[in-house]
Protein backbone atom coordinates (compact mmCIF):
# COMPACT_ATOMS: atom_id res chain seq x y z
CA MET A 1 -38.13 143.75 274.09
CA TYR A 2 -35.24 143.31 271.68
CA LEU A 3 -37.60 142.84 268.72
CA VAL A 4 -39.51 145.99 269.65
CA GLU A 5 -36.29 148.00 269.68
CA MET A 6 -35.19 146.59 266.33
CA ALA A 7 -38.53 147.15 264.58
CA PRO A 8 -37.77 150.78 263.56
CA LYS A 9 -34.44 149.64 262.06
CA PHE A 10 -36.15 146.96 260.01
CA LEU A 11 -38.76 149.37 258.67
CA LEU A 12 -36.20 152.07 257.88
CA ALA A 13 -33.84 149.60 256.19
CA LEU A 14 -36.71 148.23 254.09
CA VAL A 15 -37.73 151.71 252.91
CA ILE A 16 -34.14 152.64 252.00
CA LEU A 17 -33.62 149.41 250.07
CA LEU A 18 -36.85 149.93 248.13
CA ILE A 19 -35.78 153.45 247.21
CA TYR A 20 -32.34 152.21 246.13
CA VAL A 21 -33.83 149.47 243.93
CA LYS A 22 -36.17 152.04 242.38
CA LEU A 23 -33.32 154.44 241.61
CA SER A 24 -30.92 151.79 240.36
CA GLY A 25 -33.43 150.46 237.85
CA LYS A 26 -34.49 147.02 236.70
CA SER A 27 -30.97 146.21 235.54
CA GLN A 28 -30.28 144.98 239.08
CA ILE A 29 -32.55 142.01 238.39
CA ALA A 30 -30.67 141.09 235.21
CA PRO A 31 -27.06 139.79 235.18
CA MET A 32 -25.04 142.51 236.89
CA SER A 33 -21.63 143.98 236.27
CA GLN A 34 -18.80 143.62 238.78
CA LEU A 35 -19.47 147.05 240.28
CA ASP A 36 -23.17 146.28 240.73
CA GLN A 37 -22.42 142.98 242.41
CA VAL A 38 -19.90 144.46 244.85
CA GLY A 39 -22.13 147.45 245.55
CA SER A 40 -25.14 145.27 246.32
CA MET A 41 -23.08 143.05 248.63
CA VAL A 42 -21.78 146.09 250.55
CA ILE A 43 -25.31 147.45 250.98
CA GLY A 44 -26.44 144.07 252.26
CA ALA A 45 -23.53 143.99 254.72
CA LEU A 46 -24.29 147.51 255.94
CA VAL A 47 -27.97 146.80 256.45
CA GLY A 48 -27.31 143.43 258.12
CA GLY A 49 -24.63 144.81 260.42
CA ALA A 50 -26.77 147.76 261.44
CA LEU A 51 -29.76 145.54 262.19
CA LEU A 52 -27.79 143.08 264.30
CA SER A 53 -25.75 145.64 266.20
CA PRO A 54 -27.65 147.24 269.11
CA SER A 55 -25.07 150.02 269.38
CA VAL A 56 -25.85 151.33 265.86
CA SER A 57 -28.92 153.51 265.78
CA ALA A 58 -31.47 153.48 262.99
CA VAL A 59 -30.41 156.98 261.89
CA ASP A 60 -26.74 156.00 261.64
CA ALA A 61 -27.59 152.89 259.66
CA ALA A 62 -29.81 154.90 257.33
CA CYS A 63 -27.08 157.48 256.71
CA LEU A 64 -24.52 154.80 255.84
CA VAL A 65 -26.84 153.07 253.38
CA ILE A 66 -27.91 156.39 251.82
CA ILE A 67 -24.30 157.49 251.30
CA TRP A 68 -23.23 154.20 249.73
CA GLY A 69 -26.36 153.85 247.61
CA GLY A 70 -26.04 157.47 246.45
CA LEU A 71 -22.45 156.84 245.33
CA LEU A 72 -23.51 153.79 243.32
CA VAL A 73 -26.36 155.67 241.63
CA LEU A 74 -24.03 158.59 240.85
CA ILE A 75 -21.39 156.31 239.32
CA ARG A 76 -24.05 154.55 237.24
CA TYR A 77 -25.31 157.90 235.95
CA ILE A 78 -21.80 159.09 235.06
CA LYS A 79 -21.13 155.80 233.24
CA SER A 80 -24.23 156.31 231.10
CA LYS A 81 -22.89 159.70 229.95
CA ASN A 82 -19.22 158.81 229.41
CA SER A 83 -18.30 155.70 227.44
CA LYS A 84 -14.58 155.92 228.31
CA LEU A 85 -15.31 155.99 232.04
CA ARG A 86 -17.75 153.12 231.63
CA ASP A 87 -15.10 151.03 229.90
CA ALA A 88 -12.55 151.93 232.60
CA ILE A 89 -14.89 150.88 235.43
CA ASP A 90 -16.73 147.91 233.96
CA GLY A 91 -14.14 146.84 231.40
CA LYS A 92 -14.76 145.77 227.81
CA PRO A 93 -16.08 142.56 226.28
CA ILE A 94 -13.23 140.18 225.44
CA GLN A 95 -13.16 138.68 221.97
CA LEU A 96 -12.41 134.97 222.19
CA VAL A 97 -12.91 133.99 218.54
CA LYS A 98 -12.07 136.19 215.55
CA SER A 99 -12.71 135.07 211.97
CA GLY A 100 -12.95 131.46 213.15
CA HIS A 101 -9.63 131.60 215.04
CA LEU A 102 -9.53 131.03 218.82
CA ILE A 103 -7.46 133.72 220.52
CA SER A 104 -5.68 131.80 223.28
CA ALA A 105 -4.25 134.92 224.95
CA ASN A 106 -7.75 136.32 225.49
CA PHE A 107 -8.86 133.08 227.14
CA LEU A 108 -6.17 133.67 229.76
CA LYS A 109 -7.21 137.33 230.02
CA ALA A 110 -10.82 136.33 230.63
CA ASN A 111 -9.75 133.57 233.05
CA LEU A 112 -11.99 131.19 231.14
CA PRO A 113 -10.89 127.53 230.69
CA VAL A 114 -11.51 125.98 227.30
CA ARG A 115 -13.69 123.28 228.90
CA ASP A 116 -16.01 125.91 230.40
CA PHE A 117 -16.05 127.72 227.07
CA GLU A 118 -17.06 124.49 225.34
CA THR A 119 -19.90 124.02 227.82
CA LEU A 120 -21.21 127.56 227.25
CA VAL A 121 -21.06 127.06 223.49
CA ASN A 122 -22.79 123.66 223.60
CA VAL A 123 -25.62 125.11 225.70
CA GLN A 124 -26.43 127.41 222.77
CA GLY A 125 -26.73 124.47 220.38
CA ILE A 126 -23.28 124.66 218.77
CA CYS A 127 -21.55 121.29 218.47
CA SER A 128 -18.07 122.29 217.32
CA PHE A 129 -15.71 125.26 217.52
CA ASN A 130 -15.47 125.03 213.72
CA GLN A 131 -18.98 126.54 213.49
CA LEU A 132 -17.88 129.73 215.25
CA LYS A 133 -17.06 132.93 213.40
CA GLU A 134 -16.96 135.60 216.15
CA VAL A 135 -17.39 135.17 219.91
CA TRP A 136 -17.26 137.81 222.68
CA TYR A 137 -17.10 137.15 226.40
CA GLU A 138 -19.45 139.75 227.88
CA LEU A 139 -19.09 141.57 231.19
CA ASN A 140 -21.84 139.55 232.84
CA GLY A 141 -20.22 136.21 231.91
CA SER A 142 -22.41 135.40 228.92
CA LEU A 143 -21.26 134.77 225.34
CA THR A 144 -22.23 136.65 222.20
CA ILE A 145 -21.83 134.23 219.31
CA ILE A 146 -21.87 134.69 215.54
CA LYS A 147 -21.78 131.47 213.55
CA LYS A 148 -20.23 131.07 210.14
CA GLY A 149 -22.66 132.18 207.47
CA ASP A 150 -24.49 134.60 209.78
CA LYS A 151 -24.41 138.36 209.43
CA ASP A 152 -22.33 140.38 211.85
CA ILE A 153 -24.22 141.77 214.82
CA ALA A 154 -25.12 145.44 215.05
CA VAL A 155 -22.64 147.75 216.75
CA LEU A 156 -23.89 150.64 218.88
CA LEU A 157 -22.15 153.86 217.87
CA ILE A 158 -24.33 156.20 219.95
CA GLU A 159 -25.68 155.27 223.38
CA GLU A 160 -28.04 157.65 225.17
CA SER A 161 -26.87 160.67 223.12
CA ALA A 162 -23.18 159.87 223.70
CA ILE A 163 -20.66 158.50 221.20
CA SER A 164 -19.27 155.05 221.95
CA GLN A 165 -15.60 155.61 221.22
CA GLY A 166 -14.63 151.96 221.60
CA ASN A 167 -17.17 150.71 219.08
CA LEU A 168 -16.28 153.56 216.72
CA GLU A 169 -12.63 152.55 216.83
CA GLN A 170 -13.61 148.93 216.27
CA LEU A 171 -15.09 149.93 212.90
CA HIS A 172 -11.99 152.06 212.14
CA LYS A 173 -14.15 155.20 211.93
CA ASN A 174 -13.92 158.64 213.56
CA GLU A 175 -16.30 161.28 214.89
CA ALA A 176 -16.13 163.32 211.68
CA TRP A 177 -17.41 160.35 209.70
CA LEU A 178 -20.20 159.74 212.22
CA THR A 179 -21.23 163.41 212.18
CA ALA A 180 -21.41 163.35 208.39
CA GLN A 181 -23.56 160.21 208.48
CA ILE A 182 -25.92 161.83 210.97
CA LYS A 183 -26.33 164.99 208.90
CA GLU A 184 -27.04 162.97 205.79
CA GLN A 185 -30.08 161.53 207.57
CA GLY A 186 -31.37 164.95 208.62
CA TYR A 187 -30.05 165.29 212.18
CA ASN A 188 -28.20 168.41 213.29
CA ASP A 189 -26.60 167.20 216.52
CA ILE A 190 -25.90 163.99 218.44
CA SER A 191 -28.04 165.25 221.33
CA GLU A 192 -31.10 164.64 219.12
CA ILE A 193 -30.30 160.92 218.91
CA PHE A 194 -31.09 158.39 221.61
CA CYS A 195 -29.03 155.60 220.04
CA ALA A 196 -27.65 154.57 216.68
CA GLU A 197 -26.34 151.23 215.44
CA TRP A 198 -24.22 150.18 212.49
CA PHE A 199 -25.59 147.07 210.82
CA ASP A 200 -25.11 145.61 207.35
CA ASN A 201 -23.05 148.66 206.29
CA LYS A 202 -25.88 151.01 207.21
CA LEU A 203 -26.42 153.43 210.10
CA PHE A 204 -29.81 153.06 211.79
CA ILE A 205 -30.73 156.04 213.96
CA TYR A 206 -33.32 156.10 216.74
CA PRO A 207 -34.04 159.71 217.80
CA ASN A 208 -35.09 161.06 221.17
CA ASP A 209 -38.76 161.67 221.80
CA GLY A 210 -40.08 164.83 220.19
CA VAL A 211 -37.25 165.21 217.68
CA VAL A 212 -38.52 166.10 214.21
CA VAL A 213 -36.25 164.85 211.47
CA GLN A 214 -35.65 167.23 208.60
CA ALA A 215 -35.22 165.93 205.10
CA PRO A 216 -31.55 165.61 204.17
CA LYS A 217 -30.12 168.32 201.93
CA GLN A 218 -29.20 165.86 199.21
CA GLU A 219 -32.76 164.60 198.97
CA LYS A 220 -34.06 168.16 198.85
CA GLN A 221 -31.65 169.04 196.07
CA GLU A 222 -32.58 165.92 194.11
CA LYS A 223 -36.29 166.74 194.42
CA GLN A 224 -35.69 170.32 193.29
CA GLU A 225 -33.60 169.15 190.35
CA LYS A 226 -36.30 166.68 189.31
CA GLN A 227 -38.95 169.39 189.46
CA GLU A 228 -36.77 171.78 187.45
CA ASN A 229 -36.10 169.10 184.84
CA LEU A 230 -39.80 168.37 184.55
CA THR A 231 -40.63 172.05 184.05
CA GLU A 232 -37.85 172.45 181.50
CA LYS A 233 -39.06 169.43 179.55
CA SER A 234 -42.59 170.74 179.55
CA THR A 235 -41.48 174.16 178.21
CA ASP A 236 -38.93 172.84 175.74
CA LYS A 237 -41.33 170.52 173.94
CA PRO A 238 -41.67 171.65 170.27
CA VAL A 239 -45.13 172.76 169.18
CA LYS A 240 -46.50 170.54 166.48
CA LYS A 241 -47.71 172.45 163.43
CA THR A 242 -51.04 171.35 162.12
CA THR A 243 -50.99 171.14 158.35
CA THR A 244 -54.23 171.64 156.48
CA LYS A 245 -54.68 169.37 153.59
CA LYS A 246 -55.62 171.12 150.39
CA THR A 247 -58.47 169.64 148.47
CA VAL A 248 -57.32 168.84 144.99
CA LYS A 249 -59.92 169.52 142.37
CA PRO A 250 -60.19 166.80 139.81
CA LYS A 251 -59.02 167.81 136.35
CA THR A 252 -61.71 167.88 133.69
CA THR A 253 -60.68 166.87 130.20
CA LYS A 254 -62.40 168.69 127.36
CA LYS A 255 -64.13 166.40 124.95
CA ALA A 256 -63.11 166.85 121.34
CA GLN A 257 -65.87 168.28 119.13
CA PRO A 258 -66.85 166.16 116.14
CA THR A 259 -65.76 167.46 112.77
CA GLU A 260 -68.28 167.67 110.02
């Protein structure tokens, strides 16, 4: 009898969880941020408590899960549109090694013992700290490592049509510089760009679907100048005069007449 009464709760909880996983995206399967972990645990507690408590109806349990799941989805959407809010909620990656130097204060900030750091580094095939050039401790607990002799990793300056202020400040650049770089490549506004990364002193832009890139003004001007120069050269070429060679008649010498 108890199982029959709880069957509607099970079915309703399963449907709500499937909808939440669909809305939250596949990122829930990958290493999660702190907010995602706490949010998932709270949803599990709500669903488990509602299923085990006979006094909580299926409708009440569904409303609680819908409200909490809706808040998580809303916060995730706002984070995708505002980089400052995303950094305030999730935090920023902590740089542990800079130019080959271990930053001891950041190890304390990340609450990461050196022994654990050594284990994480050795797992990636690095035998000594002396091989490290730059290391960041990511939000999901993983390490981003650049070894000495390697190129620096790409830095996202635009994420989902929004400027990443933190990464822009990291490069000691401003929005005016980024706007100028975008216009040089034929884009009128940041809303046309899905994402853009700075790598090897170059800005690589990946536009949104359906955006047609116009040729930059500088390239247009250079093409026009080349065409004008070609036309000027073709008109300014001197006309070669054809000289007709005169036929020189051979001189005839008069023979002297014999004298009698």
